[in-house]
């Protein structure tokens, strides 16, 4: 019975938020666009369409973070990027499925 209910559910795609200054704000405009599969026959997700204000906020956050990031040694920046790659590798099945 539970399987039958799941089959009758309406599929609702998640709308992914922006990532600005370590947070996930909703776009100021409230707009989004559909992310399509590589062959264009299936909608995979919805993604926020940032407004000019969202872009200004992202640029301001990046400028603020630049001093801290550029103050790190090359070795430290490499370690951070390597750790990001490890996390993405661990989540590979999730990305493949998406």
N, C-alpha and C. Protein backbone atom coordinates (compact mmCIF):
# COMPACT_ATOMS: atom_id res chain seq x y z
N UNK A 1 0.83 -1.19 0.00
CA UNK A 1 0.00 0.00 0.00
C UNK A 1 0.88 1.26 0.00
N UNK A 2 1.94 1.24 0.80
CA UNK A 2 2.84 2.40 0.85
C UNK A 2 3.50 2.63 -0.50
N UNK A 3 3.81 1.52 -1.22
CA UNK A 3 4.41 1.65 -2.54
C UNK A 3 3.43 2.29 -3.52
N UNK A 4 2.17 1.95 -3.39
CA UNK A 4 1.15 2.51 -4.26
C UNK A 4 1.00 4.02 -4.01
N UNK A 5 1.03 4.43 -2.75
CA UNK A 5 0.94 5.85 -2.43
C UNK A 5 2.12 6.62 -3.01
N UNK A 6 3.34 6.03 -2.89
CA UNK A 6 4.53 6.68 -3.41
C UNK A 6 4.45 6.83 -4.92
N UNK A 7 3.86 5.84 -5.60
CA UNK A 7 3.73 5.90 -7.05
C UNK A 7 2.75 6.99 -7.47
N UNK A 8 1.78 7.31 -6.63
CA UNK A 8 0.77 8.30 -6.97
C UNK A 8 1.16 9.73 -6.59
N UNK A 9 2.30 9.89 -5.95
CA UNK A 9 2.73 11.23 -5.53
C UNK A 9 3.16 12.07 -6.72
N UNK A 10 2.93 13.33 -6.60
CA UNK A 10 3.37 14.28 -7.60
C UNK A 10 4.85 14.57 -7.36
N UNK A 11 5.65 14.45 -8.39
CA UNK A 11 7.08 14.73 -8.27
C UNK A 11 7.30 16.23 -8.16
N UNK A 12 7.95 16.66 -7.11
CA UNK A 12 8.24 18.07 -6.90
C UNK A 12 9.76 18.24 -6.91
N UNK A 13 10.23 19.02 -7.87
CA UNK A 13 11.68 19.23 -7.97
C UNK A 13 12.13 20.30 -6.98
N UNK A 14 13.27 20.05 -6.39
CA UNK A 14 13.86 21.00 -5.45
C UNK A 14 14.37 22.21 -6.22
N UNK A 15 14.22 23.39 -5.66
CA UNK A 15 14.81 24.59 -6.23
C UNK A 15 16.04 24.92 -5.41
N UNK A 16 17.20 24.83 -6.05
CA UNK A 16 18.46 25.08 -5.36
C UNK A 16 18.66 26.57 -5.15
N UNK A 17 19.16 26.91 -3.97
CA UNK A 17 19.37 28.31 -3.62
C UNK A 17 20.74 28.77 -4.06
N UNK A 18 20.98 30.05 -3.92
CA UNK A 18 22.29 30.64 -4.19
C UNK A 18 23.22 30.31 -3.03
N UNK A 19 24.51 30.48 -3.22
CA UNK A 19 25.48 30.34 -2.13
C UNK A 19 26.29 31.62 -2.10
N UNK A 20 26.02 32.46 -1.11
CA UNK A 20 26.70 33.75 -0.99
C UNK A 20 27.15 33.94 0.45
N UNK A 21 28.44 34.20 0.62
CA UNK A 21 29.00 34.51 1.93
C UNK A 21 28.74 33.41 2.95
N UNK A 22 28.86 32.15 2.52
CA UNK A 22 28.69 31.02 3.43
C UNK A 22 27.25 30.72 3.79
N UNK A 23 26.31 31.33 3.10
CA UNK A 23 24.89 31.12 3.38
C UNK A 23 24.16 30.74 2.10
N UNK A 24 22.95 30.25 2.25
CA UNK A 24 22.12 29.86 1.11
C UNK A 24 20.86 30.73 1.05
N UNK A 25 21.00 31.99 0.62
CA UNK A 25 19.81 32.85 0.55
C UNK A 25 18.96 32.51 -0.67
N UNK A 26 17.69 32.82 -0.56
CA UNK A 26 16.82 32.71 -1.74
C UNK A 26 17.12 33.92 -2.63
N UNK A 27 16.91 33.75 -3.91
CA UNK A 27 17.14 34.86 -4.81
C UNK A 27 16.18 36.01 -4.50
N UNK A 28 16.66 37.20 -4.63
CA UNK A 28 15.85 38.39 -4.35
C UNK A 28 14.68 38.48 -5.33
N UNK A 29 14.88 37.99 -6.55
CA UNK A 29 13.83 38.08 -7.58
C UNK A 29 12.77 36.99 -7.43
N UNK A 30 13.12 35.88 -6.78
CA UNK A 30 12.19 34.77 -6.67
C UNK A 30 12.08 33.94 -7.94
N UNK A 31 12.90 34.22 -8.93
CA UNK A 31 12.85 33.50 -10.21
C UNK A 31 13.81 32.31 -10.20
N UNK A 32 13.52 31.37 -11.09
CA UNK A 32 14.39 30.21 -11.25
C UNK A 32 14.36 29.75 -12.70
N UNK A 33 15.26 28.83 -13.04
CA UNK A 33 15.26 28.23 -14.38
C UNK A 33 15.43 26.73 -14.23
N UNK A 34 15.02 26.00 -15.24
CA UNK A 34 15.10 24.55 -15.20
C UNK A 34 16.47 24.09 -15.66
N UNK A 35 17.05 23.14 -14.94
CA UNK A 35 18.31 22.51 -15.31
C UNK A 35 17.94 21.22 -16.03
N UNK A 36 18.36 21.11 -17.28
CA UNK A 36 17.99 19.96 -18.11
C UNK A 36 19.09 18.91 -18.13
N UNK A 37 18.72 17.67 -18.45
CA UNK A 37 19.69 16.59 -18.61
C UNK A 37 20.57 16.90 -19.83
N UNK A 38 21.66 16.17 -19.98
CA UNK A 38 22.61 16.46 -21.05
C UNK A 38 21.98 16.32 -22.44
N UNK A 39 21.00 15.44 -22.58
CA UNK A 39 20.37 15.30 -23.89
C UNK A 39 19.12 16.17 -24.02
N UNK A 40 18.79 16.92 -22.98
CA UNK A 40 17.71 17.90 -23.04
C UNK A 40 16.31 17.34 -22.98
N UNK A 41 16.16 16.07 -22.62
CA UNK A 41 14.81 15.49 -22.62
C UNK A 41 14.19 15.36 -21.23
N UNK A 42 14.91 15.81 -20.20
CA UNK A 42 14.39 15.65 -18.84
C UNK A 42 14.84 16.81 -17.97
N UNK A 43 13.93 17.34 -17.16
CA UNK A 43 14.26 18.40 -16.21
C UNK A 43 14.83 17.74 -14.97
N UNK A 44 16.03 18.14 -14.56
CA UNK A 44 16.68 17.55 -13.39
C UNK A 44 16.37 18.31 -12.11
N UNK A 45 16.35 19.64 -12.20
CA UNK A 45 16.16 20.46 -11.00
C UNK A 45 15.80 21.88 -11.41
N UNK A 46 15.52 22.68 -10.43
CA UNK A 46 15.33 24.12 -10.63
C UNK A 46 16.49 24.83 -9.95
N UNK A 47 16.98 25.87 -10.58
CA UNK A 47 18.07 26.66 -10.01
C UNK A 47 17.65 28.12 -9.94
N UNK A 48 18.04 28.79 -8.87
CA UNK A 48 17.71 30.21 -8.71
C UNK A 48 18.32 31.04 -9.82
N UNK A 49 17.57 32.01 -10.28
CA UNK A 49 18.08 32.99 -11.25
C UNK A 49 18.35 34.26 -10.46
N UNK A 50 19.63 34.51 -10.21
CA UNK A 50 20.01 35.64 -9.39
C UNK A 50 19.68 36.98 -10.06
N UNK A 51 19.34 37.94 -9.24
CA UNK A 51 19.06 39.29 -9.73
C UNK A 51 20.35 40.11 -9.69
N UNK A 52 20.28 41.34 -10.13
CA UNK A 52 21.45 42.23 -10.05
C UNK A 52 21.87 42.43 -8.59
N UNK A 53 20.89 42.54 -7.71
CA UNK A 53 21.20 42.70 -6.29
C UNK A 53 21.91 41.46 -5.76
N UNK A 54 21.48 40.27 -6.16
CA UNK A 54 22.14 39.04 -5.74
C UNK A 54 23.59 39.01 -6.21
N UNK A 55 23.81 39.45 -7.45
CA UNK A 55 25.18 39.48 -7.99
C UNK A 55 26.03 40.48 -7.22
N UNK A 56 25.47 41.66 -6.94
CA UNK A 56 26.22 42.66 -6.15
C UNK A 56 26.59 42.10 -4.78
N UNK A 57 25.65 41.40 -4.13
CA UNK A 57 25.93 40.80 -2.82
C UNK A 57 27.04 39.75 -2.92
N UNK A 58 27.00 38.94 -3.98
CA UNK A 58 28.03 37.91 -4.17
C UNK A 58 29.40 38.53 -4.42
N UNK A 59 29.45 39.56 -5.23
CA UNK A 59 30.72 40.24 -5.52
C UNK A 59 31.27 40.90 -4.26
N UNK A 60 30.40 41.54 -3.49
CA UNK A 60 30.84 42.18 -2.24
C UNK A 60 31.40 41.13 -1.27
N UNK A 61 30.75 39.98 -1.17
CA UNK A 61 31.22 38.92 -0.28
C UNK A 61 32.55 38.36 -0.77
N UNK A 62 32.71 38.21 -2.09
CA UNK A 62 33.97 37.70 -2.64
C UNK A 62 35.11 38.68 -2.40
N UNK A 63 34.84 39.96 -2.58
CA UNK A 63 35.88 40.97 -2.32
C UNK A 63 36.30 40.97 -0.86
N UNK A 64 35.33 40.80 0.02
CA UNK A 64 35.62 40.78 1.45
C UNK A 64 36.46 39.55 1.81
N UNK A 65 36.18 38.41 1.17
CA UNK A 65 36.90 37.16 1.47
C UNK A 65 38.28 37.10 0.81
N UNK A 66 38.51 37.93 -0.19
CA UNK A 66 39.76 37.87 -0.95
C UNK A 66 41.00 38.05 -0.08
N UNK A 67 40.98 38.99 0.83
CA UNK A 67 42.15 39.25 1.67
C UNK A 67 42.50 38.03 2.51
N UNK A 68 41.50 37.40 3.07
CA UNK A 68 41.74 36.21 3.89
C UNK A 68 42.29 35.06 3.04
N UNK A 69 41.67 34.83 1.88
CA UNK A 69 42.10 33.71 1.02
C UNK A 69 43.51 33.96 0.48
N UNK A 70 43.78 35.17 0.01
CA UNK A 70 45.10 35.44 -0.56
C UNK A 70 46.18 35.49 0.52
N UNK A 71 45.79 35.67 1.77
CA UNK A 71 46.75 35.67 2.87
C UNK A 71 47.19 34.27 3.28
N UNK A 72 46.49 33.25 2.81
CA UNK A 72 46.85 31.87 3.13
C UNK A 72 48.01 31.44 2.23
N UNK A 73 48.80 30.53 2.73
CA UNK A 73 49.91 30.02 1.92
C UNK A 73 49.35 29.17 0.78
N UNK A 74 50.15 28.99 -0.25
CA UNK A 74 49.73 28.14 -1.38
C UNK A 74 49.46 26.72 -0.90
N UNK A 75 50.27 26.24 0.04
CA UNK A 75 50.09 24.89 0.57
C UNK A 75 48.74 24.77 1.28
N UNK A 76 48.40 25.78 2.07
CA UNK A 76 47.13 25.76 2.79
C UNK A 76 45.94 25.81 1.83
N UNK A 77 46.03 26.67 0.81
CA UNK A 77 44.95 26.73 -0.19
C UNK A 77 44.82 25.38 -0.89
N UNK A 78 45.95 24.75 -1.19
CA UNK A 78 45.93 23.43 -1.82
C UNK A 78 45.25 22.40 -0.94
N UNK A 79 45.51 22.45 0.37
CA UNK A 79 44.87 21.51 1.31
C UNK A 79 43.35 21.72 1.31
N UNK A 80 42.94 22.96 1.29
CA UNK A 80 41.50 23.25 1.30
C UNK A 80 40.84 22.71 0.03
N UNK A 81 41.46 22.98 -1.10
CA UNK A 81 40.89 22.49 -2.37
C UNK A 81 40.91 20.97 -2.44
N UNK A 82 41.96 20.35 -1.90
CA UNK A 82 42.03 18.89 -1.88
C UNK A 82 40.91 18.32 -1.02
N UNK A 83 40.62 18.94 0.11
CA UNK A 83 39.54 18.47 0.98
C UNK A 83 38.18 18.60 0.29
N UNK A 84 37.99 19.68 -0.44
CA UNK A 84 36.75 19.84 -1.21
C UNK A 84 36.62 18.70 -2.21
N UNK A 85 37.71 18.37 -2.90
CA UNK A 85 37.70 17.27 -3.87
C UNK A 85 37.37 15.95 -3.19
N UNK A 86 37.91 15.71 -1.98
CA UNK A 86 37.60 14.48 -1.25
C UNK A 86 36.12 14.38 -0.92
N UNK A 87 35.53 15.47 -0.46
CA UNK A 87 34.11 15.47 -0.12
C UNK A 87 33.28 15.19 -1.37
N UNK A 88 33.65 15.82 -2.48
CA UNK A 88 32.90 15.59 -3.72
C UNK A 88 33.04 14.14 -4.18
N UNK A 89 34.22 13.56 -4.02
CA UNK A 89 34.43 12.16 -4.39
C UNK A 89 33.57 11.24 -3.53
N UNK A 90 33.48 11.54 -2.24
CA UNK A 90 32.64 10.74 -1.34
C UNK A 90 31.16 10.82 -1.74
N UNK A 91 30.77 11.95 -2.29
CA UNK A 91 29.37 12.15 -2.68
C UNK A 91 29.13 11.84 -4.15
N UNK A 92 30.10 11.20 -4.79
CA UNK A 92 29.99 10.88 -6.21
C UNK A 92 28.68 10.20 -6.59
N UNK A 93 28.24 9.16 -5.84
CA UNK A 93 26.98 8.52 -6.22
C UNK A 93 25.80 9.49 -6.28
N UNK A 94 25.78 10.44 -5.37
CA UNK A 94 24.71 11.44 -5.37
C UNK A 94 24.78 12.30 -6.62
N UNK A 95 25.99 12.71 -7.02
CA UNK A 95 26.13 13.53 -8.20
C UNK A 95 25.80 12.74 -9.47
N UNK A 96 26.19 11.48 -9.52
CA UNK A 96 25.90 10.64 -10.67
C UNK A 96 24.39 10.46 -10.83
N UNK A 97 23.71 10.23 -9.70
CA UNK A 97 22.27 10.05 -9.74
C UNK A 97 21.58 11.31 -10.24
N UNK A 98 22.07 12.46 -9.79
CA UNK A 98 21.46 13.74 -10.20
C UNK A 98 21.73 13.99 -11.66
